[in-house]
Amino acid sequence: MTKKLNNYLLSKLTRVLGCLLALMGVTGCDSEKSEAVMYGTPSPTAEILSETTGLVLNTEGEPVPNVQVVSFPTDVNYYNVRGVENVASDGNGKYFSNSRIEKIGNSSVSETFKQLQVIASDKSGVYENDTMYVDVKLDSLATDKFKATATANFTLHKKASEAK
């Protein structure tokens, strides 16, 4: 009789624990965030709004329009880039690019987010592409939100085939 009672209680306890775990798993995904957190995947710990501005000129100091410019953090081990904008310089050679960057891990934003890599690509084929690393100015907007601003001015050189 005792063995039957133990088996019965163990069976009921197993079912109760199974239901409890199932409920915890379902409600564990129900949070203020719109996306479920994946197990084993680092979740963002801060958000950085990055703005990069500058000029694209040729070696004669004239503006170069329609040059594609994109920027992103140099240390990709700590950051996920979301919504990167690949913008083109206007008729005056000016550009403005912004992106949303999520920090992952426990490191300090001010210790790891110091530079942006900025790439200027001339799709017309007249000028050489250029890359530069620029320091950012980091301002805290809230506990886990930051604004990073940087300026990158390019002087593009004509390709050897175009220089003649």
Protein backbone atom coordinates (compact mmCIF):
# COMPACT_ATOMS: atom_id res chain seq x y z
CA MET A 1 0.00 0.00 0.00
CA THR A 2 2.83 2.42 0.83
CA LYS A 3 4.49 1.75 -2.54
CA LYS A 4 1.24 2.53 -4.40
CA LEU A 5 0.80 5.73 -2.40
CA ASN A 6 4.39 6.81 -3.11
CA ASN A 7 3.96 6.15 -6.85
CA TYR A 8 0.64 8.02 -6.86
CA LEU A 9 2.12 11.05 -5.04
CA LEU A 10 5.21 11.03 -7.24
CA SER A 11 3.02 10.92 -10.36
CA LYS A 12 0.92 13.90 -9.17
CA LEU A 13 4.00 15.88 -8.11
CA THR A 14 5.59 15.29 -11.52
CA ARG A 15 2.47 16.60 -13.27
CA VAL A 16 2.25 19.65 -11.03
CA LEU A 17 5.93 20.47 -11.56
CA GLY A 18 5.56 19.94 -15.33
CA CYS A 19 2.62 22.37 -15.46
CA LEU A 20 4.50 24.88 -13.32
CA LEU A 21 7.55 24.74 -15.59
CA ALA A 22 5.35 25.11 -18.69
CA LEU A 23 3.68 28.20 -17.21
CA MET A 24 7.03 29.72 -16.29
CA GLY A 25 8.35 29.12 -19.80
CA VAL A 26 5.35 30.86 -21.40
CA THR A 27 5.33 33.83 -19.06
CA GLY A 28 9.12 34.15 -19.27
CA CYS A 29 8.68 35.44 -22.83
CA ASP A 30 5.90 37.84 -21.84
CA SER A 31 7.73 41.07 -21.04
CA GLU A 32 7.71 44.72 -22.02
CA LYS A 33 10.05 43.93 -24.91
CA SER A 34 8.43 43.04 -28.20
CA GLU A 35 10.82 40.20 -28.91
CA ALA A 36 11.46 37.02 -26.98
CA VAL A 37 14.85 36.60 -25.38
CA MET A 38 16.67 33.57 -26.75
CA TYR A 39 18.48 31.32 -24.34
CA GLY A 40 22.26 31.59 -24.65
CA THR A 41 22.06 34.79 -26.73
CA PRO A 42 23.41 37.98 -25.18
CA SER A 43 20.72 40.61 -24.81
CA PRO A 44 21.33 44.32 -25.35
CA THR A 45 22.32 46.25 -22.24
CA ALA A 46 22.41 49.74 -23.77
CA GLU A 47 21.35 51.61 -26.89
CA ILE A 48 23.51 54.14 -28.73
CA LEU A 49 22.14 56.59 -31.28
CA SER A 50 25.06 57.29 -33.58
CA GLU A 51 25.28 60.37 -35.83
CA THR A 52 28.10 60.93 -38.31
CA THR A 53 28.47 64.08 -40.39
CA GLY A 54 31.07 65.42 -42.74
CA LEU A 55 32.18 66.54 -46.17
CA VAL A 56 33.38 64.66 -49.22
CA LEU A 57 35.75 66.71 -51.35
CA ASN A 58 38.24 65.95 -54.11
CA THR A 59 41.92 66.96 -54.00
CA GLU A 60 41.05 70.34 -55.58
CA GLY A 61 38.67 71.08 -52.68
CA GLU A 62 35.54 70.66 -54.81
CA PRO A 63 32.51 68.79 -53.41
CA VAL A 64 31.97 65.24 -54.64
CA PRO A 65 28.25 64.37 -54.77
CA ASN A 66 26.68 60.89 -54.61
CA VAL A 67 29.46 59.23 -52.62
CA GLN A 68 28.04 56.46 -50.40
CA VAL A 69 29.03 56.84 -46.73
CA VAL A 70 28.43 54.30 -43.95
CA SER A 71 29.71 54.15 -40.37
CA PHE A 72 29.78 51.52 -37.65
CA PRO A 73 31.62 50.78 -34.37
CA THR A 74 35.18 49.50 -34.59
CA ASP A 75 34.71 46.92 -31.82
CA VAL A 76 32.04 44.57 -33.15
CA ASN A 77 32.54 42.16 -30.23
CA TYR A 78 30.48 44.45 -27.98
CA TYR A 79 27.93 45.92 -30.39
CA ASN A 80 25.12 44.93 -32.72
CA VAL A 81 24.42 47.51 -35.40
CA ARG A 82 20.74 48.00 -36.21
CA GLY A 83 19.36 50.30 -38.85
CA VAL A 84 22.64 51.37 -40.42
CA GLU A 85 22.10 54.12 -42.93
CA ASN A 86 24.13 54.08 -46.12
CA VAL A 87 23.77 57.70 -47.24
CA ALA A 88 25.03 59.66 -50.23
CA SER A 89 26.78 63.01 -50.13
CA ASP A 90 24.68 65.86 -51.52
CA GLY A 91 25.61 68.41 -54.22
CA ASN A 92 27.73 70.32 -51.68
CA GLY A 93 29.60 67.17 -50.63
CA LYS A 94 27.82 67.08 -47.24
CA TYR A 95 26.41 63.93 -45.66
CA PHE A 96 24.56 62.99 -42.48
CA SER A 97 24.29 59.37 -41.36
CA ASN A 98 22.63 57.92 -38.29
CA SER A 99 22.23 54.43 -36.93
CA ARG A 100 20.97 52.59 -33.87
CA ILE A 101 23.57 50.47 -32.14
CA GLU A 102 22.91 47.97 -29.35
CA LYS A 103 25.60 47.22 -26.80
CA ILE A 104 25.86 43.64 -25.58
CA GLY A 105 27.76 42.31 -22.61
CA ASN A 106 28.73 43.85 -19.30
CA SER A 107 31.50 46.22 -20.38
CA SER A 108 31.12 49.98 -19.99
CA VAL A 109 29.98 51.90 -23.08
CA SER A 110 32.46 54.70 -22.34
CA GLU A 111 35.30 52.17 -22.24
CA THR A 112 34.49 50.30 -25.45
CA PHE A 113 32.67 52.77 -27.75
CA LYS A 114 35.46 55.15 -28.67
CA GLN A 115 35.69 55.07 -32.45
CA LEU A 116 33.65 54.62 -35.59
CA GLN A 117 34.87 53.23 -38.86
CA VAL A 118 33.56 55.42 -41.67
CA ILE A 119 33.72 54.26 -45.29
CA ALA A 120 33.25 56.49 -48.34
CA SER A 121 32.58 54.63 -51.61
CA ASP A 122 32.41 56.35 -54.98
CA LYS A 123 30.05 54.24 -57.09
CA SER A 124 30.83 56.25 -60.25
CA GLY A 125 34.34 54.76 -60.33
CA VAL A 126 36.08 58.13 -60.70
CA TYR A 127 37.52 58.33 -57.18
CA GLU A 128 39.31 55.88 -54.89
CA ASN A 129 37.27 54.65 -51.94
CA ASP A 130 38.46 55.75 -48.52
CA THR A 131 38.14 54.52 -44.94
CA MET A 132 38.89 56.38 -41.73
CA TYR A 133 38.59 55.80 -38.03
CA VAL A 134 37.20 58.74 -36.07
CA ASP A 135 36.82 59.37 -32.36
CA VAL A 136 33.28 59.79 -31.06
CA LYS A 137 31.84 62.26 -28.59
CA LEU A 138 29.64 60.23 -26.25
CA ASP A 139 26.77 61.82 -24.29
CA SER A 140 24.56 59.97 -21.83
CA LEU A 141 20.83 60.46 -22.49
CA ALA A 142 19.58 58.07 -19.81
CA THR A 143 20.83 55.13 -17.78
CA ASP A 144 21.06 52.84 -20.81
CA LYS A 145 20.84 55.31 -23.72
CA PHE A 146 23.69 57.24 -25.28
CA LYS A 147 24.23 59.58 -28.20
CA ALA A 148 27.48 59.34 -30.14
CA THR A 149 28.49 62.04 -32.59
CA ALA A 150 31.45 62.06 -34.95
CA THR A 151 32.74 64.03 -37.91
CA ALA A 152 34.60 62.47 -40.84
CA ASN A 153 35.77 64.70 -43.69
CA PHE A 154 37.06 62.89 -46.76
CA THR A 155 39.41 64.06 -49.50
CA LEU A 156 39.06 61.59 -52.36
CA HIS A 157 41.78 61.02 -54.93
CA LYS A 158 41.03 60.24 -58.55
CA LYS A 159 41.76 56.71 -59.66
CA ALA A 160 44.92 56.34 -61.73
CA SER A 161 42.85 55.59 -64.84
CA GLU A 162 40.83 58.82 -64.35
CA ALA A 163 43.74 61.12 -63.46
CA LYS A 164 44.97 61.42 -67.06
